[in-house]
Amino acid sequence: MDNFRRVQRDLPWRRTRDPYAIWVSEVMLQQTRVATVIPYWERWMVEFPTVASLADAPLDDVLRAWAGLGYYRRARALHAGALAVRERGLPARAAELREVPGIGPYTAGAIASIAHGERTPLVDGNVARVLARVDGIAEDIKSTAGTKALWARAGELMAALPEALAPADLNQGLMELGATVCAPTSPRCLVCPVSAWCVARASGRQDELPVAGARKAAKDLPLLARTQVWISDGGELVLARRRPSGLFGGLWELPDEAYATALGVELDREPVAHWDQTLTHRRLRVTVIRGRMPRVLDAASDPSYDAIRRVKIEEAVGLGIASATSAILRKYIDVPWTSNSTKRPSSSSPRATRRSSKASAASATTSRTRTSKTRRSARRKRSTS
């Protein structure tokens, strides 16, 4: 515990015991790097400083503030949770916190132990890695047996914690150890404060533990192919908002071909851009075609969308928009295509980036990005927006 207090990173959410602020940080940190989260968290706490202010905000504003973090379902879950507890506030106990929409066992344990000092355990990816290595847990950490073993061990450690020590220090110390020392690859065993008790180090199994089931290869994931329509005029672009439930719920995107047709849009079916992306459970392939702006833009009834609007192209990137639309927008802003730019280019080489603690999500890899006028390589990114 003393070692954690000496070496812990100075993170803004560690300077407060506000349960709401801690809740926001823990949700943002899911599958997103700390360095990425810090500015988002700071801006969020200015715009939505309390549970009530978040609950009162339109979902559009919430998703806009989240734009760029990926895994937008986390923002929707935060908003839903805030709506559920707006009147009574966040509960203090982990068991009650788990009843709040969007709060799972880990987040409940983090809020209860850090904000309220409850002696309750938690297990996230970092803690799972530390416990699996130190205790030599051989079960798949994502399996039922592995999850049960990890939570049982975390509970034993919390129960053995001396009364004089803070449960927040134990939980945050385990998370910090996994984030900074017991890394997924090349763990820093020589400086690890618990290396003397580590089964993995003693047996040379640091690279084997923890055991985690292999992800499906991208080529084996089901393909979701969509055709979306670029409808612009006078520097403005038409975007449609997905209904709250389902894939990309609540996000703005280029309307799909069927919806554009229902709006009376005249289509040019020659592709002007392409976007390929690997999501968590599927591959997404977007083909962009152009459409002529109708004289009157009236929303048509559609099971996929609940709103439509014209926005200035340069302002659209600041909305809560789907990652595919965001990428297409940025490519267009860099190198606008014209009615003649219909030649499909050759593939470009992707440039890898990594976002982990979304985040994403969050995230997974984007296999390729292709647009009609650019050879820029795309960032690898995994998303479940």
Protein backbone atom coordinates (compact mmCIF):
# COMPACT_ATOMS: atom_id res chain seq x y z
CA MET A 1 0.00 0.00 0.00
CA ASP A 2 2.78 2.42 0.89
CA ASN A 3 4.53 1.59 -2.37
CA PHE A 4 1.37 2.41 -4.35
CA ARG A 5 1.04 5.80 -2.66
CA ARG A 6 4.67 6.60 -3.52
CA VAL A 7 4.65 5.60 -7.17
CA GLN A 8 1.06 6.05 -8.33
CA ARG A 9 0.46 8.19 -11.38
CA ASP A 10 -1.02 11.61 -10.78
CA LEU A 11 -4.35 11.20 -12.56
CA PRO A 12 -7.08 13.85 -12.25
CA TRP A 13 -9.78 11.43 -11.08
CA ARG A 14 -7.51 10.31 -8.24
CA ARG A 15 -7.73 13.80 -6.77
CA THR A 16 -11.40 13.42 -5.95
CA ARG A 17 -13.72 11.12 -4.02
CA ASP A 18 -16.78 12.24 -5.97
CA PRO A 19 -18.48 8.93 -6.90
CA TYR A 20 -19.88 10.40 -10.13
CA ALA A 21 -16.45 11.62 -11.28
CA ILE A 22 -14.98 8.20 -10.50
CA TRP A 23 -17.82 6.49 -12.36
CA VAL A 24 -17.16 8.59 -15.48
CA SER A 25 -13.43 7.86 -15.35
CA GLU A 26 -13.90 4.12 -14.97
CA VAL A 27 -16.30 3.96 -17.93
CA MET A 28 -14.00 6.05 -20.12
CA LEU A 29 -11.01 3.92 -19.21
CA GLN A 30 -12.62 0.72 -20.45
CA GLN A 31 -10.45 -0.32 -23.41
CA THR A 32 -9.01 3.18 -23.81
CA ARG A 33 -5.54 4.48 -22.96
CA VAL A 34 -5.16 6.72 -19.93
CA ALA A 35 -3.44 9.45 -21.96
CA THR A 36 -6.41 9.54 -24.31
CA VAL A 37 -8.97 9.65 -21.52
CA ILE A 38 -7.51 12.52 -19.46
CA PRO A 39 -8.57 15.45 -21.72
CA TYR A 40 -11.95 13.85 -22.42
CA TRP A 41 -12.61 13.37 -18.70
CA GLU A 42 -11.59 16.94 -17.89
CA ARG A 43 -13.85 18.40 -20.59
CA TRP A 44 -16.70 16.09 -19.60
CA MET A 45 -16.57 17.15 -15.96
CA VAL A 46 -16.81 20.80 -17.02
CA GLU A 47 -19.76 20.19 -19.32
CA PHE A 48 -21.55 17.60 -17.16
CA PRO A 49 -20.28 18.19 -13.60
CA THR A 50 -23.04 16.22 -11.82
CA VAL A 51 -25.30 13.24 -12.34
CA ALA A 52 -28.24 15.62 -12.71
CA SER A 53 -26.51 17.69 -15.40
CA LEU A 54 -25.73 14.55 -17.39
CA ALA A 55 -29.28 13.27 -17.04
CA ASP A 56 -30.70 16.63 -18.16
CA ALA A 57 -28.48 16.77 -21.25
CA PRO A 58 -29.85 15.59 -24.63
CA LEU A 59 -28.25 12.37 -25.81
CA ASP A 60 -26.95 14.25 -28.86
CA ASP A 61 -24.87 16.49 -26.58
CA VAL A 62 -23.57 13.50 -24.65
CA LEU A 63 -22.48 11.68 -27.80
CA ARG A 64 -20.90 14.86 -29.16
CA ALA A 65 -18.81 15.20 -25.98
CA TRP A 66 -17.80 11.56 -26.38
CA ALA A 67 -16.90 11.90 -30.06
CA GLY A 68 -13.49 10.34 -30.73
CA LEU A 69 -13.40 7.97 -27.75
CA GLY A 70 -15.14 5.17 -29.63
CA TYR A 71 -17.34 2.44 -28.10
CA TYR A 72 -20.24 4.89 -27.97
CA ARG A 73 -22.39 2.40 -26.12
CA ARG A 74 -20.42 3.45 -23.03
CA ALA A 75 -21.69 7.03 -23.40
CA ARG A 76 -25.24 5.80 -23.91
CA ALA A 77 -24.91 3.61 -20.81
CA LEU A 78 -23.64 6.55 -18.75
CA HIS A 79 -26.55 8.67 -19.86
CA ALA A 80 -29.06 5.89 -19.14
CA GLY A 81 -27.54 5.35 -15.69
CA ALA A 82 -27.71 9.06 -14.91
CA LEU A 83 -31.38 9.15 -15.90
CA ALA A 84 -32.07 6.22 -13.58
CA VAL A 85 -30.48 7.82 -10.51
CA ARG A 86 -31.09 11.52 -11.22
CA GLU A 87 -33.42 11.98 -8.25
CA ARG A 88 -31.73 9.84 -5.60
CA GLY A 89 -28.10 10.05 -6.72
CA LEU A 90 -25.64 7.19 -7.03
CA PRO A 91 -25.91 4.50 -4.34
CA ALA A 92 -22.91 3.99 -2.06
CA ARG A 93 -22.77 0.18 -1.79
CA ALA A 94 -21.45 -2.07 -4.56
CA ALA A 95 -24.50 -4.33 -4.46
CA GLU A 96 -26.83 -1.36 -5.03
CA LEU A 97 -24.58 0.18 -7.66
CA ARG A 98 -24.85 -3.00 -9.73
CA GLU A 99 -28.57 -2.31 -10.08
CA VAL A 100 -27.88 0.97 -11.93
CA PRO A 101 -28.14 0.55 -15.74
CA GLY A 102 -24.70 0.25 -17.29
CA ILE A 103 -22.80 -0.42 -14.04
CA GLY A 104 -21.27 -3.88 -13.81
CA PRO A 105 -19.42 -5.64 -10.98
CA TYR A 106 -16.05 -4.04 -11.73
CA THR A 107 -17.34 -0.46 -11.98
CA ALA A 108 -19.49 -0.97 -8.89
CA GLY A 109 -16.45 -2.19 -6.96
CA ALA A 110 -14.36 0.75 -8.12
CA ILE A 111 -16.94 3.38 -7.14
CA ALA A 112 -17.77 1.77 -3.79
CA SER A 113 -14.18 1.18 -2.70
CA ILE A 114 -12.60 4.40 -3.98
CA ALA A 115 -15.40 6.87 -3.23
CA HIS A 116 -16.92 5.28 -0.13
CA GLY A 117 -14.21 3.03 1.32
CA GLU A 118 -16.27 -0.15 1.07
CA ARG A 119 -14.19 -3.28 1.49
CA THR A 120 -15.24 -4.79 -1.80
CA PRO A 121 -13.03 -6.31 -4.51
CA LEU A 122 -12.84 -5.56 -8.21
CA VAL A 123 -11.39 -7.31 -11.24
CA ASP A 124 -10.60 -5.56 -14.52
CA GLY A 125 -8.18 -6.58 -17.25
CA ASN A 126 -5.14 -5.31 -15.35
CA VAL A 127 -6.14 -6.97 -12.08
CA ALA A 128 -6.94 -10.22 -13.88
CA ARG A 129 -3.46 -10.30 -15.42
CA VAL A 130 -1.75 -9.66 -12.08
CA LEU A 131 -3.75 -12.26 -10.17
CA ALA A 132 -3.45 -14.88 -12.93
CA ARG A 133 0.32 -14.55 -12.94
CA VAL A 134 0.90 -14.22 -9.22
CA ASP A 135 -1.39 -17.15 -8.35
CA GLY A 136 -0.71 -19.20 -11.47
CA ILE A 137 -4.39 -19.34 -12.46
CA ALA A 138 -4.45 -21.58 -15.54
CA GLU A 139 -8.12 -21.21 -16.51
CA ASP A 140 -9.10 -18.92 -19.37
CA ILE A 141 -9.66 -15.60 -17.57
CA LYS A 142 -12.74 -14.95 -19.70
CA SER A 143 -14.30 -18.32 -18.99
CA THR A 144 -16.81 -18.90 -16.20
CA ALA A 145 -14.27 -20.87 -14.15
CA GLY A 146 -11.52 -18.32 -14.72
CA THR A 147 -13.74 -15.36 -13.83
CA LYS A 148 -14.93 -17.12 -10.68
CA ALA A 149 -11.35 -17.89 -9.62
CA LEU A 150 -10.20 -14.30 -10.16
CA TRP A 151 -13.06 -12.73 -8.22
CA ALA A 152 -12.63 -15.26 -5.43
CA ARG A 153 -8.94 -14.42 -5.13
CA ALA A 154 -9.62 -10.68 -5.23
CA GLY A 155 -12.18 -11.19 -2.47
CA GLU A 156 -9.65 -13.11 -0.35
CA LEU A 157 -7.11 -10.30 -0.68
CA MET A 158 -9.69 -7.72 0.35
CA ALA A 159 -10.79 -9.83 3.33
CA ALA A 160 -7.16 -10.15 4.45
CA LEU A 161 -6.50 -6.40 4.21
CA PRO A 162 -5.70 -4.97 7.66
CA GLU A 163 -8.39 -2.67 9.03
CA ALA A 164 -5.98 0.27 9.09
CA LEU A 165 -5.44 0.14 5.31
CA ALA A 166 -7.75 1.63 2.70
CA PRO A 167 -9.54 -0.74 0.30
CA ALA A 168 -9.14 1.92 -2.40
CA ASP A 169 -5.37 1.60 -2.14
CA LEU A 170 -5.51 -2.18 -2.56
CA ASN A 171 -7.79 -2.04 -5.59
CA GLN A 172 -6.01 0.86 -7.25
CA GLY A 173 -2.63 -0.65 -6.39
CA LEU A 174 -3.55 -3.88 -8.22
CA MET A 175 -4.80 -1.90 -11.23
CA GLU A 176 -1.69 0.29 -11.24
CA LEU A 177 0.57 -2.77 -11.01
CA GLY A 178 -1.08 -4.29 -14.07
CA ALA A 179 -1.01 -1.04 -16.01
CA THR A 180 2.59 -0.06 -15.36
CA VAL A 181 4.59 -3.16 -14.34
CA CYS A 182 2.77 -6.44 -15.04
CA ALA A 183 2.23 -5.54 -18.69
CA PRO A 184 0.64 -7.90 -21.24
CA THR A 185 4.04 -8.37 -22.92
CA SER A 186 7.51 -7.95 -21.44
CA PRO A 187 6.40 -7.57 -17.80
CA ARG A 188 8.93 -5.69 -15.62
CA CYS A 189 9.46 -8.52 -13.15
CA LEU A 190 12.73 -7.11 -11.78
CA VAL A 191 10.97 -4.09 -10.31
CA CYS A 192 7.70 -5.82 -9.38
CA PRO A 193 6.99 -5.53 -5.62
CA VAL A 194 5.29 -8.96 -5.55
CA SER A 195 7.70 -10.87 -7.78
CA ALA A 196 8.92 -12.98 -4.85
CA TRP A 197 5.43 -14.51 -4.58
CA CYS A 198 4.69 -14.74 -8.31
CA VAL A 199 4.06 -18.27 -9.60
CA ALA A 200 4.45 -17.19 -13.22
CA ARG A 201 7.88 -15.69 -12.63
CA ALA A 202 9.08 -18.65 -10.57
CA SER A 203 8.06 -21.05 -13.34
CA GLY A 204 9.02 -18.80 -16.26
CA ARG A 205 5.44 -18.62 -17.49
CA GLN A 206 5.03 -14.84 -17.69
CA ASP A 207 4.33 -15.06 -21.42
CA GLU A 208 1.85 -17.93 -21.01
CA LEU A 209 -0.32 -16.34 -18.35
CA PRO A 210 -2.96 -15.18 -18.27
CA VAL A 211 -4.72 -17.64 -20.55
CA ALA A 212 -7.26 -15.93 -22.79
CA GLY A 213 -9.27 -17.38 -25.65
CA ALA A 214 -8.06 -16.34 -29.09
CA ARG A 215 -10.08 -13.80 -31.04
CA LYS A 216 -11.54 -14.82 -34.33
CA ALA A 217 -9.45 -13.75 -37.29
CA ALA A 218 -10.94 -10.77 -39.10
CA LYS A 219 -11.51 -12.85 -42.22
CA ASP A 220 -13.71 -15.24 -40.23
CA LEU A 221 -16.06 -12.54 -38.94
CA PRO A 222 -19.41 -12.01 -40.67
CA LEU A 223 -19.47 -9.14 -43.16
CA LEU A 224 -21.88 -6.23 -42.87
CA ALA A 225 -21.88 -4.41 -46.23
CA ARG A 226 -23.60 -1.03 -46.43
CA THR A 227 -24.03 1.59 -49.13
CA GLN A 228 -24.29 5.14 -47.80
CA VAL A 229 -25.03 8.34 -49.66
CA TRP A 230 -23.06 11.58 -49.68
CA ILE A 231 -25.68 14.32 -50.15
CA SER A 232 -24.13 17.78 -50.08
CA ASP A 233 -24.86 21.24 -51.37
CA GLY A 234 -23.49 24.69 -50.58
CA GLY A 235 -20.98 23.33 -48.07
CA GLU A 236 -23.67 21.43 -46.16
CA LEU A 237 -24.07 17.67 -45.76
CA VAL A 238 -27.08 15.51 -44.93
CA LEU A 239 -26.71 13.25 -41.90
CA ALA A 240 -29.25 10.84 -40.41
CA ARG A 241 -29.39 9.73 -36.78
CA ARG A 242 -29.67 6.06 -35.88
CA ARG A 243 -32.41 5.08 -33.49
CA PRO A 244 -31.11 4.60 -29.91
CA SER A 245 -31.20 0.80 -29.93
CA GLY A 246 -29.01 -1.39 -32.08
CA LEU A 247 -25.68 -0.93 -33.84
CA PHE A 248 -24.46 2.70 -33.88
CA GLY A 249 -27.51 3.69 -31.79
CA GLY A 250 -27.95 7.45 -31.37
CA LEU A 251 -25.10 8.30 -33.75
CA TRP A 252 -25.25 10.47 -36.87
CA GLU A 253 -24.06 8.98 -40.15
CA LEU A 254 -24.39 9.27 -43.90
CA PRO A 255 -27.88 7.95 -44.68
CA ASP A 256 -28.01 4.52 -46.26
CA GLU A 257 -29.14 4.00 -49.82
CA ALA A 258 -32.66 2.82 -48.96
CA TYR A 259 -33.33 5.82 -46.73
CA ALA A 260 -31.93 8.26 -49.30
CA THR A 261 -34.20 6.74 -51.91
CA ALA A 262 -37.19 7.17 -49.58
CA LEU A 263 -36.21 10.84 -49.20
CA GLY A 264 -36.49 11.27 -52.95
CA VAL A 265 -32.74 11.70 -53.47
CA GLU A 266 -31.47 11.25 -57.03
CA LEU A 267 -28.52 8.83 -56.79
CA ASP A 268 -25.29 8.45 -58.74
CA ARG A 269 -24.41 4.83 -58.00
CA GLU A 270 -20.74 5.11 -59.00
CA PRO A 271 -18.70 4.77 -55.76
CA VAL A 272 -16.63 7.77 -54.63
CA ALA A 273 -15.25 6.30 -51.38
CA HIS A 274 -14.85 3.04 -49.48
CA TRP A 275 -14.29 2.26 -45.82
CA ASP A 276 -13.43 -1.17 -44.39
CA GLN A 277 -13.40 -1.66 -40.63
CA THR A 278 -13.18 -4.62 -38.27
CA LEU A 279 -15.60 -4.34 -35.37
CA THR A 280 -15.62 -6.63 -32.35
CA HIS A 281 -17.95 -9.24 -33.80
CA ARG A 282 -18.18 -8.39 -37.48
CA ARG A 283 -16.53 -6.66 -40.41
CA LEU A 284 -18.01 -3.46 -41.77
CA ARG A 285 -17.64 -2.46 -45.42
CA VAL A 286 -19.07 0.91 -46.41
CA THR A 287 -19.38 2.04 -50.01
CA VAL A 288 -20.16 5.73 -50.50
CA ILE A 289 -22.10 7.01 -53.50
CA ARG A 290 -23.27 10.53 -54.26
CA GLY A 291 -26.80 11.89 -54.16
CA ARG A 292 -28.35 15.16 -55.35
CA MET A 293 -29.77 17.35 -52.58
CA PRO A 294 -33.59 17.34 -52.83
CA ARG A 295 -35.41 20.66 -52.94
CA VAL A 296 -37.21 19.81 -49.71
CA LEU A 297 -35.56 17.57 -47.10
CA ASP A 298 -38.35 15.97 -45.09
CA ALA A 299 -37.72 13.02 -42.80
CA ALA A 300 -39.23 9.80 -44.10
CA SER A 301 -40.42 6.98 -41.89
CA ASP A 302 -37.62 4.45 -41.48
CA PRO A 303 -36.97 1.72 -38.88
CA SER A 304 -33.26 2.59 -38.74
CA TYR A 305 -33.35 6.38 -38.29
CA ASP A 306 -35.22 8.85 -36.08
CA ALA A 307 -33.91 12.22 -37.37
CA ILE A 308 -32.26 13.87 -40.36
CA ARG A 309 -30.52 17.22 -40.73
CA ARG A 310 -28.25 19.37 -42.86
CA VAL A 311 -24.98 20.43 -41.22
CA LYS A 312 -21.93 22.34 -42.36
CA ILE A 313 -19.34 19.80 -43.47
CA GLU A 314 -16.55 21.26 -41.33
CA GLU A 315 -18.81 21.16 -38.26
CA ALA A 316 -20.06 17.62 -38.78
CA VAL A 317 -16.90 16.07 -37.32
CA GLY A 318 -17.80 17.63 -33.97
CA LEU A 319 -21.09 15.71 -33.71
CA GLY A 320 -21.57 12.30 -32.19
CA ILE A 321 -20.98 10.43 -35.44
CA ALA A 322 -20.24 6.83 -36.32
CA SER A 323 -16.56 6.07 -36.81
CA ALA A 324 -17.00 5.17 -40.49
CA THR A 325 -18.71 8.50 -41.20
CA SER A 326 -16.03 10.31 -39.20
CA ALA A 327 -13.27 8.74 -41.28
CA ILE A 328 -15.04 9.49 -44.55
CA LEU A 329 -15.63 13.10 -43.48
CA ARG A 330 -12.00 13.64 -42.57
CA LYS A 331 -10.83 12.17 -45.85
CA TYR A 332 -13.22 14.42 -47.75
CA ILE A 333 -12.09 17.50 -45.83
CA ASP A 334 -8.47 16.62 -46.71
CA VAL A 335 -9.15 15.91 -50.38
CA PRO A 336 -12.72 16.61 -51.56
CA TRP A 337 -14.00 14.37 -54.31
CA THR A 338 -15.98 15.64 -57.27
CA SER A 339 -18.54 14.11 -59.55
CA ASN A 340 -15.65 12.83 -61.68
CA SER A 341 -13.78 11.18 -58.82
CA THR A 342 -15.29 7.74 -59.22
CA LYS A 343 -12.26 5.61 -59.89
CA ARG A 344 -11.73 3.00 -57.19
CA PRO A 345 -8.13 3.25 -55.94
CA SER A 346 -5.79 0.49 -54.98
CA SER A 347 -5.55 -0.48 -51.33
CA SER A 348 -3.26 1.42 -49.02
CA SER A 349 -1.13 0.00 -46.27
CA PRO A 350 -2.65 0.41 -42.80
CA ARG A 351 -0.75 2.15 -40.04
CA ALA A 352 -1.25 0.54 -36.66
CA THR A 353 -2.26 2.40 -33.56
CA ARG A 354 -3.30 1.07 -30.23
CA ARG A 355 -5.93 2.34 -27.82
CA SER A 356 -6.22 0.54 -24.56
CA SER A 357 -6.51 1.45 -20.90
CA LYS A 358 -12.29 3.93 -25.51
CA ALA A 359 -10.90 2.99 -25.77
CA SER A 360 -12.54 2.36 -28.45
CA ALA A 361 -14.19 1.07 -28.20
CA ALA A 362 -13.31 -0.17 -27.35
CA SER A 363 -10.56 -0.62 -29.75
CA ALA A 364 -10.33 -3.28 -32.57
CA THR A 365 -8.45 -2.84 -35.85
CA THR A 366 -9.50 -1.12 -39.00
CA SER A 367 -8.19 -3.29 -41.78
CA ARG A 368 -8.14 -0.73 -44.60
CA THR A 369 -9.42 2.66 -45.49
CA ARG A 370 -9.83 3.54 -49.12
CA THR A 371 -11.12 6.74 -50.63
CA SER A 372 -11.22 7.83 -54.20
CA LYS A 373 -8.63 10.59 -53.99
CA THR A 374 -6.16 9.65 -51.29
CA ARG A 375 -3.42 7.17 -50.57
CA ARG A 376 -3.12 7.91 -46.91
CA SER A 377 -2.88 4.86 -44.74
CA ALA A 378 -5.61 4.25 -42.20
CA ARG A 379 -5.27 3.80 -38.49
CA ARG A 380 -5.95 0.45 -37.03
CA LYS A 381 -8.92 0.77 -34.80
CA ARG A 382 -11.48 -1.50 -33.27
CA SER A 383 -14.90 -0.14 -32.59
CA THR A 384 -18.27 -1.31 -31.41
CA SER A 385 -20.07 1.98 -31.76
